[in-house]
Every structure is written in structure tokens, then in C-alpha cells.
């Protein structure tokens, strides 16, 4: 029978044949093992090595000082290099190039679908942008005035310099939830290791993202995958970028708190008004998503944020590790 052993030091596969010679050991109760000698004889013909193992014992004065050889065994080993398949560097580079191009193709396709389906075609819930109703316009204006619940909060403490529009708390909550999540994207954009591949202003990009969300974020995610220029020179961060980067913890805390507050506002906001119970508000949310284009678009935004945020965080963590 052939036993296969893998040598960890040289990555060789060793085929051990049965010992060709073996003498039986002599039993001595008074004996103790003195030395074991392993030797690899220099017989290397066609990749064959002879390994001899000799064990000696000292038996109460019997034998010389070095001990009496009690038994020895000889094994014939044939070494055969294990074959490994490593992909050449140029092939790995080509695979990376193809993966990058595929990602960009998917992103640009998503951008086209996002604009055509949500803005132009009449098949999604609600009105397309070219046939928007006055009610939808008034709703957008009212939601913008109640940005981050600032105006309703000011009115609640008796300050009435400007009255907050009274809208359904569920629609206000959904709007501010998405805006709060968008707010948290600022540190990710300004610390992105590939941000300089985008030649435009990150300040303007983030400002537009706050109001039109993924209309501008999806193109950025595709452009940042372009190959870096050979004459690459990092741009000096803007004042807004420095503030958002240095205060990233505060920005994240504000954005996360706004998302939590929005969820609570949806079910407990404006309890003094006639907006129904929690069940009524949940039913309104389902009707709202199925009838208003703005609310329907927010669901798309949340879906893309779930993909893009871990993507940017992962790349940023790699950037931090490289700097260390």
C-alpha cells in the first residue's frame, strides 16, 4: 500500500513505499533508548532518496558507549513536485478591468432606468414630472419647509414667525427619513479614496443629492470607478468637506437621530390632529407609496442607499488601512 504525505516545507508530494528491510527489535526490560539516528543517504537517482532510521539502546553495559543498535529501517522515497496553478498577473489585471467595466455598465443602466421610470414614464405610481399636479407641488413645498422638523418644533414652543404647513405625519416622516440618511452620506463622499476621479464639485454634488438623492449619486458611483489619471494630484478639501470630515461623528449622530425621530414621528407625530391611530397611519403609508410619485421614488432611494453606503464604507476602510 502507498501512503501519501505532503511536505509543508517544500510543497512536495512524497510517495512512501513500505520499508525494504526491517529487523525485529530485541526486548530488554533494562534497556533505555540512547539515540535515534535518521539519515538521508545521498542516493538521488531519478528523484529517489533513501531514508534510514536507526535506533540504539544502552542495556546494562552491553554494547559500546554509544549503545547497541537494536533495529533499523530503511524507506525508499520518491519526490514529485506538486503542480500549482497560479494566474499570471496580466490575467488578474484583465479580470479586474472587466469587473470594473461591468460595475460601471450596471450603474449607468440603473441611472437611465431611475430617470426614465421615475421622472418621465407615466406607468409608475403618481404623476410624471411633465404632468405633475398642483397638489404634488404643494406637498413638495410643504415637506421642504418642514425640513428636519425644524419649523414644527419652533412652532411647538410658541415661536410663530412662520407657520409650519400641516401635512400628514407619515409623509413628513418618510421625507425626513430619506433626507437624514442622505445627510449621513457627506463624510463618506468627502473621504472617499476615489473622489478625485470625479472632476466636479463634491459640495455641489452633495447639495444636489440632498434634494434629488440618487439622481446624482448613481453617476458619482459610476464615475469613481474610472481609471486614475497618471498625473493624479489630490485636491485640497473644501471648507464644507473639512467640516463634514472633521465632524463625521457628529454628522452621523445627527443623521441617525433624524432617521429614528422620523420613524417615531410617523406613528406619534401630530397626535392633536385627526390623523388616526397607528393602524390608520400604516394604511395611509401603503396608500401613499402606491399613489404618489415622490413617495414611490423614496423607496428607490432607500434601496440604493442600502447598496451604496456599505460600498463606500468598505472602500473608505481600505483607504484608512493603507494610510496606516
Foldseek 3Di string as FASTA:
>chain_A
DWDWDADPPQRKIKTKDPWPDKDDFDDDPQKDWDDKDWDWDPDQDQQKIKIKIWTFIDHPPPDDPSGDTGMMTIIIMGIDHDDDDDDDPVVVVVVVVVVLVVVLVVLVVVLVCLCCVLAPDCPAAAGHVVDHDPVLVVVLVLLVQCALPPQVVCVVVPDPPDHRDDDQLLSSLLLNLLLLLLLLCLLLQLLFPLNVLDPDDPVVLSVVCSPVNPNRVSVSVSSSSDDADPPDDDDDDDPSSVCCNVCSVVSNVRSVVSNVVSVVSLQPNPPVDPQDHSVSSVVVLVVCCRHHSVNVSSVVNVVVSVVVVVVSVVSSVVVVVVVD
